Amino acid sequence: MKVLAPRRPINDTQKSSQTLGRGTDFALVVLVFLGIGYGLDRWLHTKPAFMIGLVIFSVIGQFIKMYFEYTQAMEAHEAERASKRVGRTS
Protein backbone atom coordinates (compact mmCIF):
# COMPACT_ATOMS: atom_id res chain seq x y z
CA MET A 1 0.00 0.00 0.00
CA LYS A 2 1.55 3.26 -1.16
CA VAL A 3 0.73 6.35 0.85
CA LEU A 4 2.91 8.86 -0.98
CA ALA A 5 2.72 9.63 -4.65
CA PRO A 6 5.85 8.80 -6.68
CA ARG A 7 8.30 11.65 -7.16
CA ARG A 8 8.17 13.38 -10.52
CA PRO A 9 10.88 15.56 -12.01
CA ILE A 10 10.24 19.30 -11.97
CA ASN A 11 9.20 20.46 -15.41
CA ASP A 12 9.27 23.95 -16.93
CA THR A 13 5.69 24.69 -15.91
CA GLN A 14 6.50 24.13 -12.26
CA LYS A 15 9.66 26.22 -12.55
CA SER A 16 7.71 29.11 -14.01
CA SER A 17 5.38 29.08 -11.02
CA GLN A 18 8.21 30.64 -9.03
CA THR A 19 6.93 34.01 -10.26
CA LEU A 20 4.48 34.07 -7.35
CA GLY A 21 7.43 33.91 -4.98
CA ARG A 22 9.21 36.65 -6.86
CA GLY A 23 6.14 38.88 -6.70
CA THR A 24 5.78 38.28 -2.99
CA ASP A 25 9.45 39.05 -2.50
CA PHE A 26 9.06 42.29 -4.46
CA ALA A 27 6.06 43.41 -2.38
CA LEU A 28 7.61 42.49 0.96
CA VAL A 29 10.85 44.34 0.25
CA VAL A 30 8.93 47.47 -0.73
CA LEU A 31 6.78 47.20 2.42
CA VAL A 32 9.85 46.79 4.64
CA PHE A 33 11.48 49.86 3.14
CA LEU A 34 8.20 51.75 3.49
CA GLY A 35 8.11 50.82 7.18
CA ILE A 36 11.71 51.88 7.71
CA GLY A 37 10.99 55.18 5.97
CA TYR A 38 7.89 55.71 8.09
CA GLY A 39 9.89 55.08 11.27
CA LEU A 40 12.65 57.47 10.20
CA ASP A 41 10.11 60.14 9.26
CA ARG A 42 8.39 59.89 12.64
CA TRP A 43 11.72 59.99 14.48
CA LEU A 44 13.19 62.90 12.49
CA HIS A 45 9.86 64.73 11.82
CA THR A 46 10.46 64.80 8.05
CA LYS A 47 7.22 63.26 6.75
CA PRO A 48 7.12 61.88 3.97
CA ALA A 49 10.67 62.38 2.70
CA PHE A 50 12.22 59.09 3.84
CA MET A 51 9.11 57.05 2.99
CA ILE A 52 9.09 58.27 -0.60
CA GLY A 53 12.86 58.04 -0.99
CA LEU A 54 13.18 54.53 0.41
CA VAL A 55 10.20 53.19 -1.56
CA ILE A 56 11.66 54.56 -4.80
CA PHE A 57 15.06 53.13 -3.83
CA SER A 58 13.56 49.69 -3.12
CA VAL A 59 11.52 49.58 -6.33
CA ILE A 60 14.54 50.53 -8.45
CA GLY A 61 16.64 47.96 -6.60
CA GLN A 62 14.05 45.22 -7.16
CA PHE A 63 13.86 45.99 -10.89
CA ILE A 64 17.65 45.85 -11.15
CA LYS A 65 17.64 42.51 -9.30
CA MET A 66 14.93 41.16 -11.62
CA TYR A 67 16.91 42.30 -14.68
CA PHE A 68 20.05 40.46 -13.57
CA GLU A 69 18.09 37.32 -12.66
CA TYR A 70 16.39 37.39 -16.07
CA THR A 71 19.68 37.93 -17.89
CA GLN A 72 21.28 35.03 -16.00
CA ALA A 73 18.34 32.72 -16.76
CA MET A 74 18.38 33.62 -20.46
CA GLU A 75 22.14 33.00 -20.70
CA ALA A 76 21.62 29.58 -19.11
CA HIS A 77 18.81 28.77 -21.58
CA GLU A 78 20.91 29.92 -24.53
CA ALA A 79 23.84 27.79 -23.38
CA GLU A 80 21.54 24.79 -22.99
CA ARG A 81 20.08 25.27 -26.47
CA ALA A 82 23.55 25.70 -27.97
CA SER A 83 24.78 22.49 -26.34
CA LYS A 84 21.77 20.58 -27.68
CA ARG A 85 22.36 21.99 -31.16
CA VAL A 86 26.03 20.98 -31.09
CA GLY A 87 25.03 17.50 -29.89
CA ARG A 88 22.67 17.03 -32.86
CA THR A 89 25.18 18.09 -35.50
CA SER A 90 27.90 15.70 -34.28
PDB file of N, CA and C in Angstrom:
ATOM      1  N   MET A   1       0.840  -1.179   0.000  1.00  0.00           N
ATOM      2  CA  MET A   1       0.000   0.000   0.000  1.00  0.00           C
ATOM      3  C   MET A   1       0.884   1.241   0.000  1.00  0.00           C
ATOM      4  N   LYS A   2       0.758   2.047  -1.048  1.00  0.00           N
ATOM      5  CA  LYS A   2       1.553   3.258  -1.163  1.00  0.00           C
ATOM      6  C   LYS A   2       0.746   4.438  -0.611  1.00  0.00           C
ATOM      7  N   VAL A   3       1.377   5.180   0.273  1.00  0.00           N
ATOM      8  CA  VAL A   3       0.730   6.346   0.851  1.00  0.00           C
ATOM      9  C   VAL A   3       1.130   7.605   0.090  1.00  0.00           C
ATOM     10  N   LEU A   4       2.398   7.682  -0.284  1.00  0.00           N
ATOM     11  CA  LEU A   4       2.909   8.860  -0.976  1.00  0.00           C
ATOM     12  C   LEU A   4       2.915   8.636  -2.478  1.00  0.00           C
ATOM     13  N   ALA A   5       2.661   9.705  -3.199  1.00  0.00           N
ATOM     14  CA  ALA A   5       2.725   9.626  -4.655  1.00  0.00           C
ATOM     15  C   ALA A   5       4.190   9.533  -5.085  1.00  0.00           C
ATOM     16  N   PRO A   6       4.461   8.887  -6.211  1.00  0.00           N
ATOM     17  CA  PRO A   6       5.854   8.802  -6.675  1.00  0.00           C
ATOM     18  C   PRO A   6       6.387  10.190  -7.034  1.00  0.00           C
ATOM     19  N   ARG A   7       7.677  10.364  -6.842  1.00  0.00           N
ATOM     20  CA  ARG A   7       8.297  11.652  -7.160  1.00  0.00           C
ATOM     21  C   ARG A   7       8.382  11.830  -8.668  1.00  0.00           C
ATOM     22  N   ARG A   8       8.064  13.047  -9.100  1.00  0.00           N
ATOM     23  CA  ARG A   8       8.168  13.381 -10.518  1.00  0.00           C
ATOM     24  C   ARG A   8       9.211  14.469 -10.691  1.00  0.00           C
ATOM     25  N   PRO A   9       9.906  14.487 -11.797  1.00  0.00           N
ATOM     26  CA  PRO A   9      10.875  15.562 -12.012  1.00  0.00           C
ATOM     27  C   PRO A   9      10.149  16.897 -12.204  1.00  0.00           C
ATOM     28  N   ILE A  10      10.819  17.964 -11.821  1.00  0.00           N
ATOM     29  CA  ILE A  10      10.242  19.297 -11.972  1.00  0.00           C
ATOM     30  C   ILE A  10      10.315  19.680 -13.442  1.00  0.00           C
ATOM     31  N   ASN A  11       9.195  20.058 -14.012  1.00  0.00           N
ATOM     32  CA  ASN A  11       9.196  20.462 -15.411  1.00  0.00           C
ATOM     33  C   ASN A  11       9.179  21.984 -15.506  1.00  0.00           C
ATOM     34  N   ASP A  12       9.201  22.505 -16.724  1.00  0.00           N
ATOM     35  CA  ASP A  12       9.273  23.945 -16.931  1.00  0.00           C
ATOM     36  C   ASP A  12       8.052  24.672 -16.390  1.00  0.00           C
ATOM     37  N   THR A  13       6.893  24.045 -16.420  1.00  0.00           N
ATOM     38  CA  THR A  13       5.688  24.689 -15.908  1.00  0.00           C
ATOM     39  C   THR A  13       5.807  24.926 -14.411  1.00  0.00           C
ATOM     40  N   GLN A  14       6.333  23.964 -13.691  1.00  0.00           N
ATOM     41  CA  GLN A  14       6.498  24.131 -12.257  1.00  0.00           C
ATOM     42  C   GLN A  14       7.585  25.155 -11.949  1.00  0.00           C
ATOM     43  N   LYS A  15       8.622  25.219 -12.765  1.00  0.00           N
ATOM     44  CA  LYS A  15       9.663  26.218 -12.547  1.00  0.00           C
ATOM     45  C   LYS A  15       9.120  27.617 -12.763  1.00  0.00           C
ATOM     46  N   SER A  16       8.241  27.786 -13.732  1.00  0.00           N
ATOM     47  CA  SER A  16       7.709  29.111 -14.008  1.00  0.00           C
ATOM     48  C   SER A  16       6.736  29.577 -12.938  1.00  0.00           C
ATOM     49  N   SER A  17       6.277  28.667 -12.091  1.00  0.00           N
ATOM     50  CA  SER A  17       5.379  29.076 -11.021  1.00  0.00           C
ATOM     51  C   SER A  17       6.122  29.784  -9.902  1.00  0.00           C
ATOM     52  N   GLN A  18       7.428  29.911 -10.027  1.00  0.00           N
ATOM     53  CA  GLN A  18       8.206  30.643  -9.034  1.00  0.00           C
ATOM     54  C   GLN A  18       7.935  32.141  -9.107  1.00  0.00           C
ATOM     55  N   THR A  19       7.219  32.586 -10.131  1.00  0.00           N
ATOM     56  CA  THR A  19       6.929  34.012 -10.255  1.00  0.00           C
ATOM     57  C   THR A  19       6.076  34.518  -9.105  1.00  0.00           C
ATOM     58  N   LEU A  20       5.261  33.668  -8.513  1.00  0.00           N
ATOM     59  CA  LEU A  20       4.483  34.069  -7.353  1.00  0.00           C
ATOM     60  C   LEU A  20       5.420  34.413  -6.205  1.00  0.00           C
ATOM     61  N   GLY A  21       6.443  33.622  -6.018  1.00  0.00           N
ATOM     62  CA  GLY A  21       7.429  33.908  -4.981  1.00  0.00           C
ATOM     63  C   GLY A  21       8.186  35.189  -5.251  1.00  0.00           C
ATOM     64  N   ARG A  22       8.497  35.415  -6.504  1.00  0.00           N
ATOM     65  CA  ARG A  22       9.209  36.647  -6.857  1.00  0.00           C
ATOM     66  C   ARG A  22       8.331  37.875  -6.618  1.00  0.00           C
ATOM     67  N   GLY A  23       7.057  37.767  -6.943  1.00  0.00           N
ATOM     68  CA  GLY A  23       6.140  38.880  -6.705  1.00  0.00           C
ATOM     69  C   GLY A  23       5.962  39.167  -5.235  1.00  0.00           C
ATOM     70  N   THR A  24       5.883  38.106  -4.436  1.00  0.00           N
ATOM     71  CA  THR A  24       5.775  38.278  -2.993  1.00  0.00           C
ATOM     72  C   THR A  24       7.039  38.916  -2.435  1.00  0.00           C
ATOM     73  N   ASP A  25       8.180  38.478  -2.920  1.00  0.00           N
ATOM     74  CA  ASP A  25       9.455  39.055  -2.498  1.00  0.00           C
ATOM     75  C   ASP A  25       9.502  40.546  -2.823  1.00  0.00           C
ATOM     76  N   PHE A  26       9.069  40.894  -4.028  1.00  0.00           N
ATOM     77  CA  PHE A  26       9.060  42.293  -4.456  1.00  0.00           C
ATOM     78  C   PHE A  26       8.199  43.122  -3.503  1.00  0.00           C
ATOM     79  N   ALA A  27       6.983  42.658  -3.235  1.00  0.00           N
ATOM     80  CA  ALA A  27       6.056  43.407  -2.383  1.00  0.00           C
ATOM     81  C   ALA A  27       6.573  43.524  -0.951  1.00  0.00           C
ATOM     82  N   LEU A  28       7.131  42.450  -0.412  1.00  0.00           N
ATOM     83  CA  LEU A  28       7.614  42.490   0.964  1.00  0.00           C
ATOM     84  C   LEU A  28       8.805  43.429   1.127  1.00  0.00           C
ATOM     85  N   VAL A  29       9.706  43.432   0.164  1.00  0.00           N
ATOM     86  CA  VAL A  29      10.853  44.342   0.254  1.00  0.00           C
ATOM     87  C   VAL A  29      10.387  45.787   0.219  1.00  0.00           C
ATOM     88  N   VAL A  30       9.448  46.094  -0.655  1.00  0.00           N
ATOM     89  CA  VAL A  30       8.929  47.466  -0.731  1.00  0.00           C
ATOM     90  C   VAL A  30       8.232  47.839   0.583  1.00  0.00           C
ATOM     91  N   LEU A  31       7.455  46.910   1.153  1.00  0.00           N
ATOM     92  CA  LEU A  31       6.783  47.200   2.420  1.00  0.00           C
ATOM     93  C   LEU A  31       7.772  47.397   3.569  1.00  0.00           C
ATOM     94  N   VAL A  32       8.839  46.618   3.594  1.00  0.00           N
ATOM     95  CA  VAL A  32       9.852  46.788   4.641  1.00  0.00           C
ATOM     96  C   VAL A  32      10.508  48.156   4.522  1.00  0.00           C
ATOM     97  N   PHE A  33      10.869  48.545   3.325  1.00  0.00           N
ATOM     98  CA  PHE A  33      11.483  49.857   3.138  1.00  0.00           C
ATOM     99  C   PHE A  33      10.490  50.985   3.445  1.00  0.00           C
ATOM    100  N   LEU A  34       9.227  50.772   3.137  1.00  0.00           N
ATOM    101  CA  LEU A  34       8.201  51.750   3.490  1.00  0.00           C
ATOM    102  C   LEU A  34       8.113  51.896   5.010  1.00  0.00           C
ATOM    103  N   GLY A  35       8.142  50.774   5.721  1.00  0.00           N
ATOM    104  CA  GLY A  35       8.106  50.818   7.182  1.00  0.00           C
ATOM    105  C   GLY A  35       9.320  51.508   7.769  1.00  0.00           C
ATOM    106  N   ILE A  36      10.496  51.215   7.221  1.00  0.00           N
ATOM    107  CA  ILE A  36      11.714  51.878   7.709  1.00  0.00           C
ATOM    108  C   ILE A  36      11.620  53.380   7.457  1.00  0.00           C
ATOM    109  N   GLY A  37      11.153  53.764   6.279  1.00  0.00           N
ATOM    110  CA  GLY A  37      10.989  55.182   5.973  1.00  0.00           C
ATOM    111  C   GLY A  37       9.993  55.853   6.887  1.00  0.00           C
ATOM    112  N   TYR A  38       8.900  55.162   7.186  1.00  0.00           N
ATOM    113  CA  TYR A  38       7.894  55.710   8.095  1.00  0.00           C
ATOM    114  C   TYR A  38       8.484  55.925   9.482  1.00  0.00           C
ATOM    115  N   GLY A  39       9.253  54.943   9.954  1.00  0.00           N
ATOM    116  CA  GLY A  39       9.890  55.084  11.265  1.00  0.00           C
ATOM    117  C   GLY A  39      10.886  56.230  11.297  1.00  0.00           C
ATOM    118  N   LEU A  40      11.695  56.353  10.260  1.00  0.00           N
ATOM    119  CA  LEU A  40      12.653  57.473  10.205  1.00  0.00           C
ATOM    120  C   LEU A  40      11.936  58.818  10.141  1.00  0.00           C
ATOM    121  N   ASP A  41      10.862  58.875   9.368  1.00  0.00           N
ATOM    122  CA  ASP A  41      10.115  60.135   9.263  1.00  0.00           C
ATOM    123  C   ASP A  41       9.484  60.531  10.597  1.00  0.00           C
ATOM    124  N   ARG A  42       8.973  59.577  11.332  1.00  0.00           N
ATOM    125  CA  ARG A  42       8.393  59.892  12.645  1.00  0.00           C
ATOM    126  C   ARG A  42       9.475  60.339  13.623  1.00  0.00           C
ATOM    127  N   TRP A  43      10.627  59.679  13.562  1.00  0.00           N
ATOM    128  CA  TRP A  43      11.716  59.987  14.482  1.00  0.00           C
ATOM    129  C   TRP A  43      12.332  61.360  14.178  1.00  0.00           C
ATOM    130  N   LEU A  44      12.518  61.659  12.890  1.00  0.00           N
ATOM    131  CA  LEU A  44      13.187  62.903  12.486  1.00  0.00           C
ATOM    132  C   LEU A  44      12.215  64.021  12.109  1.00  0.00           C
ATOM    133  N   HIS A  45      10.900  63.753  12.168  1.00  0.00           N
ATOM    134  CA  HIS A  45       9.857  64.733  11.824  1.00  0.00           C
ATOM    135  C   HIS A  45      10.057  65.286  10.410  1.00  0.00           C
ATOM    136  N   THR A  46      10.227  64.403   9.447  1.00  0.00           N
ATOM    137  CA  THR A  46      10.464  64.805   8.054  1.00  0.00           C
ATOM    138  C   THR A  46       9.437  64.206   7.107  1.00  0.00           C
ATOM    139  N   LYS A  47       8.218  63.957   7.582  1.00  0.00           N
ATOM    140  CA  LYS A  47       7.221  63.262   6.752  1.00  0.00           C
ATOM    141  C   LYS A  47       7.055  63.945   5.420  1.00  0.00           C
ATOM    142  N   PRO A  48       6.896  63.274   4.331  1.00  0.00           N
ATOM    143  CA  PRO A  48       7.118  61.885   3.974  1.00  0.00           C
ATOM    144  C   PRO A  48       8.410  61.673   3.208  1.00  0.00           C
ATOM    145  N   ALA A  49       9.436  62.416   3.503  1.00  0.00           N
ATOM    146  CA  ALA A  49      10.668  62.384   2.704  1.00  0.00           C
ATOM    147  C   ALA A  49      11.312  60.995   2.661  1.00  0.00           C
ATOM    148  N   PHE A  50      11.548  60.393   3.817  1.00  0.00           N
ATOM    149  CA  PHE A  50      12.216  59.089   3.842  1.00  0.00           C
ATOM    150  C   PHE A  50      11.320  57.985   3.293  1.00  0.00           C
ATOM    151  N   MET A  51      10.013  58.075   3.537  1.00  0.00           N
ATOM    152  CA  MET A  51       9.107  57.052   2.992  1.00  0.00           C
ATOM    153  C   MET A  51       9.181  57.037   1.470  1.00  0.00           C
ATOM    154  N   ILE A  52       9.057  58.184   0.862  1.00  0.00           N
ATOM    155  CA  ILE A  52       9.091  58.266  -0.599  1.00  0.00           C
ATOM    156  C   ILE A  52      10.460  57.843  -1.129  1.00  0.00           C
ATOM    157  N   GLY A  53      11.513  58.356  -0.524  1.00  0.00           N
ATOM    158  CA  GLY A  53      12.865  58.040  -0.986  1.00  0.00           C
ATOM    159  C   GLY A  53      13.198  56.562  -0.887  1.00  0.00           C
ATOM    160  N   LEU A  54      12.855  55.939   0.243  1.00  0.00           N
ATOM    161  CA  LEU A  54      13.183  54.532   0.413  1.00  0.00           C
ATOM    162  C   LEU A  54      12.305  53.621  -0.444  1.00  0.00           C
ATOM    163  N   VAL A  55      11.062  53.994  -0.670  1.00  0.00           N
ATOM    164  CA  VAL A  55      10.203  53.192  -1.555  1.00  0.00           C
ATOM    165  C   VAL A  55      10.736  53.252  -2.985  1.00  0.00           C
ATOM    166  N   ILE A  56      11.095  54.434  -3.448  1.00  0.00           N
ATOM    167  CA  ILE A  56      11.659  54.563  -4.796  1.00  0.00           C
ATOM    168  C   ILE A  56      12.965  53.768  -4.893  1.00  0.00           C
ATOM    169  N   PHE A  57      13.804  53.874  -3.870  1.00  0.00           N
ATOM    170  CA  PHE A  57      15.065  53.125  -3.830  1.00  0.00           C
ATOM    171  C   PHE A  57      14.811  51.623  -3.902  1.00  0.00           C
ATOM    172  N   SER A  58      13.827  51.133  -3.135  1.00  0.00           N
ATOM    173  CA  SER A  58      13.561  49.689  -3.118  1.00  0.00           C
ATOM    174  C   SER A  58      12.976  49.202  -4.437  1.00  0.00           C
ATOM    175  N   VAL A  59      12.106  49.989  -5.052  1.00  0.00           N
ATOM    176  CA  VAL A  59      11.517  49.576  -6.331  1.00  0.00           C
ATOM    177  C   VAL A  59      12.592  49.519  -7.418  1.00  0.00           C
ATOM    178  N   ILE A  60      13.447  50.532  -7.463  1.00  0.00           N
ATOM    179  CA  ILE A  60      14.538  50.531  -8.447  1.00  0.00           C
ATOM    180  C   ILE A  60      15.466  49.344  -8.203  1.00  0.00           C
ATOM    181  N   GLY A  61      15.786  49.084  -6.937  1.00  0.00           N
ATOM    182  CA  GLY A  61      16.645  47.955  -6.603  1.00  0.00           C
ATOM    183  C   GLY A  61      16.031  46.624  -6.994  1.00  0.00           C
ATOM    184  N   GLN A  62      14.717  46.472  -6.788  1.00  0.00           N
ATOM    185  CA  GLN A  62      14.051  45.224  -7.156  1.00  0.00           C
ATOM    186  C   GLN A  62      14.037  45.032  -8.677  1.00  0.00           C
ATOM    187  N   PHE A  63      13.827  46.118  -9.430  1.00  0.00           N
ATOM    188  CA  PHE A  63      13.856  45.989 -10.893  1.00  0.00           C
ATOM    189  C   PHE A  63      15.253  45.629 -11.386  1.00  0.00           C
ATOM    190  N   ILE A  64      16.274  46.207 -10.768  1.00  0.00           N
ATOM    191  CA  ILE A  64      17.647  45.853 -11.152  1.00  0.00           C
ATOM    192  C   ILE A  64      17.912  44.388 -10.842  1.00  0.00           C
ATOM    193  N   LYS A  65      17.469  43.921  -9.679  1.00  0.00           N
ATOM    194  CA  LYS A  65      17.636  42.513  -9.299  1.00  0.00           C
ATOM    195  C   LYS A  65      16.919  41.604 -10.292  1.00  0.00           C
ATOM    196  N   MET A  66      15.692  41.968 -10.663  1.00  0.00           N
ATOM    197  CA  MET A  66      14.932  41.162 -11.619  1.00  0.00           C
ATOM    198  C   MET A  66      15.625  41.126 -12.976  1.00  0.00           C
ATOM    199  N   TYR A  67      16.203  42.242 -13.400  1.00  0.00           N
ATOM    200  CA  TYR A  67      16.906  42.298 -14.678  1.00  0.00           C
ATOM    201  C   TYR A  67      18.090  41.331 -14.690  1.00  0.00           C
ATOM    202  N   PHE A  68      18.891  41.340 -13.615  1.00  0.00           N
ATOM    203  CA  PHE A  68      20.053  40.463 -13.573  1.00  0.00           C
ATOM    204  C   PHE A  68      19.642  39.002 -13.470  1.00  0.00           C
ATOM    205  N   GLU A  69      18.578  38.693 -12.729  1.00  0.00           N
ATOM    206  CA  GLU A  69      18.087  37.317 -12.661  1.00  0.00           C
ATOM    207  C   GLU A  69      17.598  36.847 -14.033  1.00  0.00           C
ATOM    208  N   TYR A  70      16.888  37.723 -14.734  1.00  0.00           N
ATOM    209  CA  TYR A  70      16.390  37.387 -16.068  1.00  0.00           C
ATOM    210  C   TYR A  70      17.550  37.161 -17.026  1.00  0.00           C
ATOM    211  N   THR A  71      18.524  38.054 -17.001  1.00  0.00           N
ATOM    212  CA  THR A  71      19.681  37.930 -17.885  1.00  0.00           C
ATOM    213  C   THR A  71      20.421  36.620 -17.621  1.00  0.00           C
ATOM    214  N   GLN A  72      20.606  36.269 -16.356  1.00  0.00           N
ATOM    215  CA  GLN A  72      21.285  35.031 -16.002  1.00  0.00           C
ATOM    216  C   GLN A  72      20.488  33.813 -16.482  1.00  0.00           C
ATOM    217  N   ALA A  73      19.179  33.841 -16.314  1.00  0.00           N
ATOM    218  CA  ALA A  73      18.342  32.720 -16.757  1.00  0.00           C
ATOM    219  C   ALA A  73      18.386  32.575 -18.280  1.00  0.00           C
ATOM    220  N   MET A  74      18.345  33.688 -18.999  1.00  0.00           N
ATOM    221  CA  MET A  74      18.381  33.621 -20.460  1.00  0.00           C
ATOM    222  C   MET A  74      19.725  33.118 -20.959  1.00  0.00           C
ATOM    223  N   GLU A  75      20.825  33.507 -20.309  1.00  0.00           N
ATOM    224  CA  GLU A  75      22.136  33.000 -20.703  1.00  0.00           C
ATOM    225  C   GLU A  75      22.216  31.496 -20.472  1.00  0.00           C
ATOM    226  N   ALA A  76      21.625  31.022 -19.375  1.00  0.00           N
ATOM    227  CA  ALA A  76      21.623  29.580 -19.108  1.00  0.00           C
ATOM    228  C   ALA A  76      20.796  28.846 -20.160  1.00  0.00           C
ATOM    229  N   HIS A  77      19.638  29.391 -20.538  1.00  0.00           N
ATOM    230  CA  HIS A  77      18.809  28.768 -21.578  1.00  0.00           C
ATOM    231  C   HIS A  77      19.518  28.756 -22.920  1.00  0.00           C
ATOM    232  N   GLU A  78      20.188  29.860 -23.265  1.00  0.00           N
ATOM    233  CA  GLU A  78      20.907  29.919 -24.529  1.00  0.00           C
ATOM    234  C   GLU A  78      22.050  28.903 -24.557  1.00  0.00           C
ATOM    235  N   ALA A  79      22.753  28.767 -23.438  1.00  0.00           N
ATOM    236  CA  ALA A  79      23.844  27.789 -23.376  1.00  0.00           C
ATOM    237  C   ALA A  79      23.295  26.376 -23.500  1.00  0.00           C
ATOM    238  N   GLU A  80      22.156  26.112 -22.895  1.00  0.00           N
ATOM    239  CA  GLU A  80      21.540  24.787 -22.994  1.00  0.00           C
ATOM    240  C   GLU A  80      21.107  24.489 -24.427  1.00  0.00           C
ATOM    241  N   ARG A  81      20.501  25.463 -25.078  1.00  0.00           N
ATOM    242  CA  ARG A  81      20.077  25.275 -26.470  1.00  0.00           C
ATOM    243  C   ARG A  81      21.277  25.084 -27.377  1.00  0.00           C
ATOM    244  N   ALA A  82      22.353  25.835 -27.137  1.00  0.00           N
ATOM    245  CA  ALA A  82      23.547  25.704 -27.966  1.00  0.00           C
ATOM    246  C   ALA A  82      24.179  24.321 -27.786  1.00  0.00           C
ATOM    247  N   SER A  83      24.181  23.805 -26.562  1.00  0.00           N
ATOM    248  CA  SER A  83      24.777  22.485 -26.342  1.00  0.00           C
ATOM    249  C   SER A  83      23.928  21.397 -26.990  1.00  0.00           C
ATOM    250  N   LYS A  84      22.624  21.562 -26.999  1.00  0.00           N
ATOM    251  CA  LYS A  84      21.770  20.577 -27.678  1.00  0.00           C
ATOM    252  C   LYS A  84      21.971  20.623 -29.188  1.00  0.00           C
ATOM    253  N   ARG A  85      22.153  21.834 -29.721  1.00  0.00           N
ATOM    254  CA  ARG A  85      22.360  21.990 -31.156  1.00  0.00           C
ATOM    255  C   ARG A  85      23.673  21.366 -31.578  1.00  0.00           C
ATOM    256  N   VAL A  86      24.723  21.547 -30.779  1.00  0.00           N
ATOM    257  CA  VAL A  86      26.030  20.976 -31.087  1.00  0.00           C
ATOM    258  C   VAL A  86      25.950  19.453 -30.997  1.00  0.00           C
ATOM    259  N   GLY A  87      25.182  18.949 -30.038  1.00  0.00           N
ATOM    260  CA  GLY A  87      25.030  17.501 -29.889  1.00  0.00           C
ATOM    261  C   GLY A  87      24.325  16.864 -31.069  1.00  0.00           C
ATOM    262  N   ARG A  88      23.407  17.583 -31.711  1.00  0.00           N
ATOM    263  CA  ARG A  88      22.673  17.034 -32.857  1.00  0.00           C
ATOM    264  C   ARG A  88      23.523  17.024 -34.130  1.00  0.00           C
ATOM    265  N   THR A  89      24.390  17.999 -34.285  1.00  0.00           N
ATOM    266  CA  THR A  89      25.181  18.093 -35.502  1.00  0.00           C
ATOM    267  C   THR A  89      26.342  17.108 -35.511  1.00  0.00           C
ATOM    268  N   SER A  90      26.746  16.617 -34.336  1.00  0.00           N
ATOM    269  CA  SER A  90      27.898  15.699 -34.279  1.00  0.00           C
ATOM    270  C   SER A  90      27.518  14.301 -34.687  1.00  0.00           C
TER     271      SER A  90
END
